[in-house]
Amino acid sequence: MRFFAPHHPLQLVAGQSAWLLWFALVYGAQAVACVFAAPDPARGPLNAINFTLLALSAPVAAGLAWAAWTCWRAARAQPDTSQEEPAITPRPSTVAAMGARSGEAPAKASTPAARTRFIARTSGWLYAAASAQTLFVAATLLMVPPCV
């Protein structure tokens, strides 16, 4: 399994981790910029600091959106194997230990294709959420002066 593949389990945390790094960078850079080159608060939010932070935010949001699209595309590319037999069939004793009543059909274990599809689809939604978070937080740069 390739490290950067859309179905790699690391993708489940990569989007939120990228957002966290962006968040720390933007607000850390804003604090440092306010110490060394604080703009006049009377000018409002339209100043060099906010424009620079917006310029950093746009590619991050676009990259996260691209990652979401890539994961969703990878999830759609996986064949639907819901009718196939699972790769691992649970033993009857395991099914009984999980609380299944006698006479019920045993629960099916997931197939590798189903797990791959789940990871890719879930990662896509998490990347999309991180992209939206980036846009919402960056939108405040257009409304609030940086050093007030």
C-alpha atoms as a PDB file:
ATOM      1  CA  MET A   1       0.000   0.000   0.000  1.00  0.00           C
ATOM      2  CA  ARG A   2       1.495   3.290  -1.083  1.00  0.00           C
ATOM      3  CA  PHE A   3       1.923   5.944   1.617  1.00  0.00           C
ATOM      4  CA  PHE A   4       0.159   8.687  -0.382  1.00  0.00           C
ATOM      5  CA  ALA A   5      -2.552   6.462  -1.874  1.00  0.00           C
ATOM      6  CA  PRO A   6      -6.095   7.818  -1.324  1.00  0.00           C
ATOM      7  CA  HIS A   7      -7.040   4.603   0.478  1.00  0.00           C
ATOM      8  CA  HIS A   8      -4.089   4.577   2.903  1.00  0.00           C
ATOM      9  CA  PRO A   9      -5.294   4.850   6.534  1.00  0.00           C
ATOM     10  CA  LEU A  10      -2.995   7.853   7.083  1.00  0.00           C
ATOM     11  CA  GLN A  11      -5.365   9.856   4.880  1.00  0.00           C
ATOM     12  CA  LEU A  12      -7.905   9.775   7.712  1.00  0.00           C
ATOM     13  CA  VAL A  13      -5.765  12.174   9.783  1.00  0.00           C
ATOM     14  CA  ALA A  14      -3.772  13.968   7.097  1.00  0.00           C
ATOM     15  CA  GLY A  15      -6.404  16.605   6.259  1.00  0.00           C
ATOM     16  CA  GLN A  16      -6.997  17.703   9.827  1.00  0.00           C
ATOM     17  CA  SER A  17      -3.249  17.648  10.489  1.00  0.00           C
ATOM     18  CA  ALA A  18      -2.632  19.901   7.477  1.00  0.00           C
ATOM     19  CA  TRP A  19      -5.358  22.238   8.705  1.00  0.00           C
ATOM     20  CA  LEU A  20      -3.791  22.336  12.181  1.00  0.00           C
ATOM     21  CA  LEU A  21      -0.382  23.222  10.740  1.00  0.00           C
ATOM     22  CA  TRP A  22      -1.958  25.938   8.563  1.00  0.00           C
ATOM     23  CA  PHE A  23      -3.862  27.342  11.559  1.00  0.00           C
ATOM     24  CA  ALA A  24      -0.722  27.524  13.718  1.00  0.00           C
ATOM     25  CA  LEU A  25       1.279  29.074  10.863  1.00  0.00           C
ATOM     26  CA  VAL A  26      -1.325  31.737  10.082  1.00  0.00           C
ATOM     27  CA  TYR A  27      -1.880  32.856  13.640  1.00  0.00           C
ATOM     28  CA  GLY A  28       1.783  32.576  14.564  1.00  0.00           C
ATOM     29  CA  ALA A  29       2.736  34.648  11.523  1.00  0.00           C
ATOM     30  CA  GLN A  30       0.045  37.172  12.386  1.00  0.00           C
ATOM     31  CA  ALA A  31       1.405  37.557  15.927  1.00  0.00           C
ATOM     32  CA  VAL A  32       4.959  38.024  14.702  1.00  0.00           C
ATOM     33  CA  ALA A  33       3.861  40.503  12.024  1.00  0.00           C
ATOM     34  CA  CYS A  34       1.908  42.519  14.594  1.00  0.00           C
ATOM     35  CA  VAL A  35       4.995  42.807  16.777  1.00  0.00           C
ATOM     36  CA  PHE A  36       7.268  44.014  13.979  1.00  0.00           C
ATOM     37  CA  ALA A  37       4.963  45.853  11.552  1.00  0.00           C
ATOM     38  CA  ALA A  38       1.599  46.600  13.131  1.00  0.00           C
ATOM     39  CA  PRO A  39      -0.688  48.416  10.676  1.00  0.00           C
ATOM     40  CA  ASP A  40      -2.880  51.340  11.674  1.00  0.00           C
ATOM     41  CA  PRO A  41      -6.138  49.953  13.142  1.00  0.00           C
ATOM     42  CA  ALA A  42      -8.050  52.777  11.460  1.00  0.00           C
ATOM     43  CA  ARG A  43      -7.325  51.186   8.074  1.00  0.00           C
ATOM     44  CA  GLY A  44      -9.445  48.196   9.041  1.00  0.00           C
ATOM     45  CA  PRO A  45      -8.900  44.646   7.832  1.00  0.00           C
ATOM     46  CA  LEU A  46      -7.611  45.569   4.376  1.00  0.00           C
ATOM     47  CA  ASN A  47      -3.853  45.662   4.964  1.00  0.00           C
ATOM     48  CA  ALA A  48      -0.681  43.860   3.957  1.00  0.00           C
ATOM     49  CA  ILE A  49      -0.731  41.394   6.862  1.00  0.00           C
ATOM     50  CA  ASN A  50      -4.222  40.123   6.099  1.00  0.00           C
ATOM     51  CA  PHE A  51      -3.584  39.974   2.350  1.00  0.00           C
ATOM     52  CA  THR A  52      -0.410  37.951   2.914  1.00  0.00           C
ATOM     53  CA  LEU A  53      -2.239  35.533   5.211  1.00  0.00           C
ATOM     54  CA  LEU A  54      -5.040  35.201   2.651  1.00  0.00           C
ATOM     55  CA  ALA A  55      -2.419  34.451  -0.002  1.00  0.00           C
ATOM     56  CA  LEU A  56      -1.155  31.614   2.231  1.00  0.00           C
ATOM     57  CA  SER A  57      -4.684  30.370   2.916  1.00  0.00           C
ATOM     58  CA  ALA A  58      -5.959  30.052  -0.653  1.00  0.00           C
ATOM     59  CA  PRO A  59      -3.503  27.344  -1.799  1.00  0.00           C
ATOM     60  CA  VAL A  60      -4.039  25.381   1.417  1.00  0.00           C
ATOM     61  CA  ALA A  61      -7.819  25.368   0.931  1.00  0.00           C
ATOM     62  CA  ALA A  62      -7.390  24.452  -2.733  1.00  0.00           C
ATOM     63  CA  GLY A  63      -4.966  21.638  -1.881  1.00  0.00           C
ATOM     64  CA  LEU A  64      -7.330  20.196   0.706  1.00  0.00           C
ATOM     65  CA  ALA A  65     -10.226  20.395  -1.770  1.00  0.00           C
ATOM     66  CA  TRP A  66      -8.091  18.622  -4.391  1.00  0.00           C
ATOM     67  CA  ALA A  67      -7.247  15.889  -1.865  1.00  0.00           C
ATOM     68  CA  ALA A  68     -10.970  15.452  -1.108  1.00  0.00           C
ATOM     69  CA  TRP A  69     -11.753  15.135  -4.808  1.00  0.00           C
ATOM     70  CA  THR A  70      -8.911  12.621  -5.275  1.00  0.00           C
ATOM     71  CA  CYS A  71     -10.163  10.459  -2.388  1.00  0.00           C
ATOM     72  CA  TRP A  72     -13.772  10.527  -3.642  1.00  0.00           C
ATOM     73  CA  ARG A  73     -12.615   9.596  -7.133  1.00  0.00           C
ATOM     74  CA  ALA A  74     -10.593   6.693  -5.703  1.00  0.00           C
ATOM     75  CA  ALA A  75     -13.618   5.519  -3.701  1.00  0.00           C
ATOM     76  CA  ARG A  76     -15.810   5.499  -6.821  1.00  0.00           C
ATOM     77  CA  ALA A  77     -13.141   3.563  -8.724  1.00  0.00           C
ATOM     78  CA  GLN A  78     -13.336   0.639  -6.279  1.00  0.00           C
ATOM     79  CA  PRO A  79     -15.671  -2.146  -7.407  1.00  0.00           C
ATOM     80  CA  ASP A  80     -18.818  -2.730  -5.369  1.00  0.00           C
ATOM     81  CA  THR A  81     -18.254  -6.074  -3.682  1.00  0.00           C
ATOM     82  CA  SER A  82     -21.213  -5.998  -1.326  1.00  0.00           C
ATOM     83  CA  GLN A  83     -22.548  -9.255  -2.817  1.00  0.00           C
ATOM     84  CA  GLU A  84     -19.230 -11.111  -2.657  1.00  0.00           C
ATOM     85  CA  GLU A  85     -18.149 -13.338   0.154  1.00  0.00           C
ATOM     86  CA  PRO A  86     -15.892 -11.603   2.665  1.00  0.00           C
ATOM     87  CA  ALA A  87     -12.213 -12.363   2.810  1.00  0.00           C
ATOM     88  CA  ILE A  88     -12.623 -13.379   6.447  1.00  0.00           C
ATOM     89  CA  THR A  89     -15.670 -15.265   7.667  1.00  0.00           C
ATOM     90  CA  PRO A  90     -16.249 -15.063  11.411  1.00  0.00           C
ATOM     91  CA  ARG A  91     -16.404 -18.340  13.302  1.00  0.00           C
ATOM     92  CA  PRO A  92     -19.773 -19.247  14.861  1.00  0.00           C
ATOM     93  CA  SER A  93     -18.279 -19.019  18.358  1.00  0.00           C
ATOM     94  CA  THR A  94     -17.135 -15.462  17.620  1.00  0.00           C
ATOM     95  CA  VAL A  95     -20.553 -14.497  16.320  1.00  0.00           C
ATOM     96  CA  ALA A  96     -22.166 -15.974  19.447  1.00  0.00           C
ATOM     97  CA  ALA A  97     -19.712 -14.106  21.664  1.00  0.00           C
ATOM     98  CA  MET A  98     -20.666 -10.863  19.906  1.00  0.00           C
ATOM     99  CA  GLY A  99     -24.260 -11.357  20.989  1.00  0.00           C
ATOM    100  CA  ALA A 100     -25.890 -12.848  17.898  1.00  0.00           C
ATOM    101  CA  ARG A 101     -28.895 -14.973  18.731  1.00  0.00           C
ATOM    102  CA  SER A 102     -29.180 -18.476  17.394  1.00  0.00           C
ATOM    103  CA  GLY A 103     -31.004 -18.549  14.103  1.00  0.00           C
ATOM    104  CA  GLU A 104     -29.714 -15.140  13.011  1.00  0.00           C
ATOM    105  CA  ALA A 105     -27.414 -14.878  10.054  1.00  0.00           C
ATOM    106  CA  PRO A 106     -23.837 -14.292  11.154  1.00  0.00           C
ATOM    107  CA  ALA A 107     -22.442 -10.840  10.535  1.00  0.00           C
ATOM    108  CA  LYS A 108     -20.206 -10.650   7.497  1.00  0.00           C
ATOM    109  CA  ALA A 109     -16.722  -9.298   7.799  1.00  0.00           C
ATOM    110  CA  SER A 110     -15.838  -6.534   5.379  1.00  0.00           C
ATOM    111  CA  THR A 111     -13.956  -7.234   2.191  1.00  0.00           C
ATOM    112  CA  PRO A 112     -10.667  -5.495   1.386  1.00  0.00           C
ATOM    113  CA  ALA A 113     -12.381  -3.507  -1.379  1.00  0.00           C
ATOM    114  CA  ALA A 114     -15.063  -2.331   1.058  1.00  0.00           C
ATOM    115  CA  ARG A 115     -12.419  -1.204   3.558  1.00  0.00           C
ATOM    116  CA  THR A 116     -10.526   0.607   0.799  1.00  0.00           C
ATOM    117  CA  ARG A 117     -13.711   2.332  -0.336  1.00  0.00           C
ATOM    118  CA  PHE A 118     -14.589   3.290   3.254  1.00  0.00           C
ATOM    119  CA  ILE A 119     -11.168   4.810   3.951  1.00  0.00           C
ATOM    120  CA  ALA A 120     -11.128   6.752   0.678  1.00  0.00           C
ATOM    121  CA  ARG A 121     -14.700   8.062   1.079  1.00  0.00           C
ATOM    122  CA  THR A 122     -14.232   9.014   4.732  1.00  0.00           C
ATOM    123  CA  SER A 123     -10.893  10.668   3.986  1.00  0.00           C
ATOM    124  CA  GLY A 124     -12.561  12.656   1.228  1.00  0.00           C
ATOM    125  CA  TRP A 125     -15.155  14.011   3.641  1.00  0.00           C
ATOM    126  CA  LEU A 126     -12.481  14.830   6.222  1.00  0.00           C
ATOM    127  CA  TYR A 127     -10.400  16.674   3.601  1.00  0.00           C
ATOM    128  CA  ALA A 128     -13.526  18.574   2.496  1.00  0.00           C
ATOM    129  CA  ALA A 129     -14.227  19.553   6.110  1.00  0.00           C
ATOM    130  CA  ALA A 130     -10.640  20.764   6.528  1.00  0.00           C
ATOM    131  CA  SER A 131     -10.930  22.811   3.327  1.00  0.00           C
ATOM    132  CA  ALA A 132     -14.176  24.392   4.554  1.00  0.00           C
ATOM    133  CA  GLN A 133     -12.583  25.108   7.938  1.00  0.00           C
ATOM    134  CA  THR A 134      -9.697  26.828   6.183  1.00  0.00           C
ATOM    135  CA  LEU A 135     -12.073  29.009   4.170  1.00  0.00           C
ATOM    136  CA  PHE A 136     -14.213  29.931   7.179  1.00  0.00           C
ATOM    137  CA  VAL A 137     -11.232  30.861   9.336  1.00  0.00           C
ATOM    138  CA  ALA A 138      -9.586  32.735   6.452  1.00  0.00           C
ATOM    139  CA  ALA A 139     -12.817  34.678   5.876  1.00  0.00           C
ATOM    140  CA  THR A 140     -12.281  36.421   9.211  1.00  0.00           C
ATOM    141  CA  LEU A 141      -9.141  37.966   7.729  1.00  0.00           C
ATOM    142  CA  LEU A 142     -11.431  40.045   5.528  1.00  0.00           C
ATOM    143  CA  MET A 143     -13.495  41.248   8.491  1.00  0.00           C
ATOM    144  CA  VAL A 144     -11.180  41.812  11.466  1.00  0.00           C
ATOM    145  CA  PRO A 145      -8.079  44.035  11.687  1.00  0.00           C
ATOM    146  CA  PRO A 146      -5.065  41.851  12.552  1.00  0.00           C
ATOM    147  CA  CYS A 147      -3.508  43.594  15.519  1.00  0.00           C
ATOM    148  CA  VAL A 148      -6.428  44.793  17.599  1.00  0.00           C
END
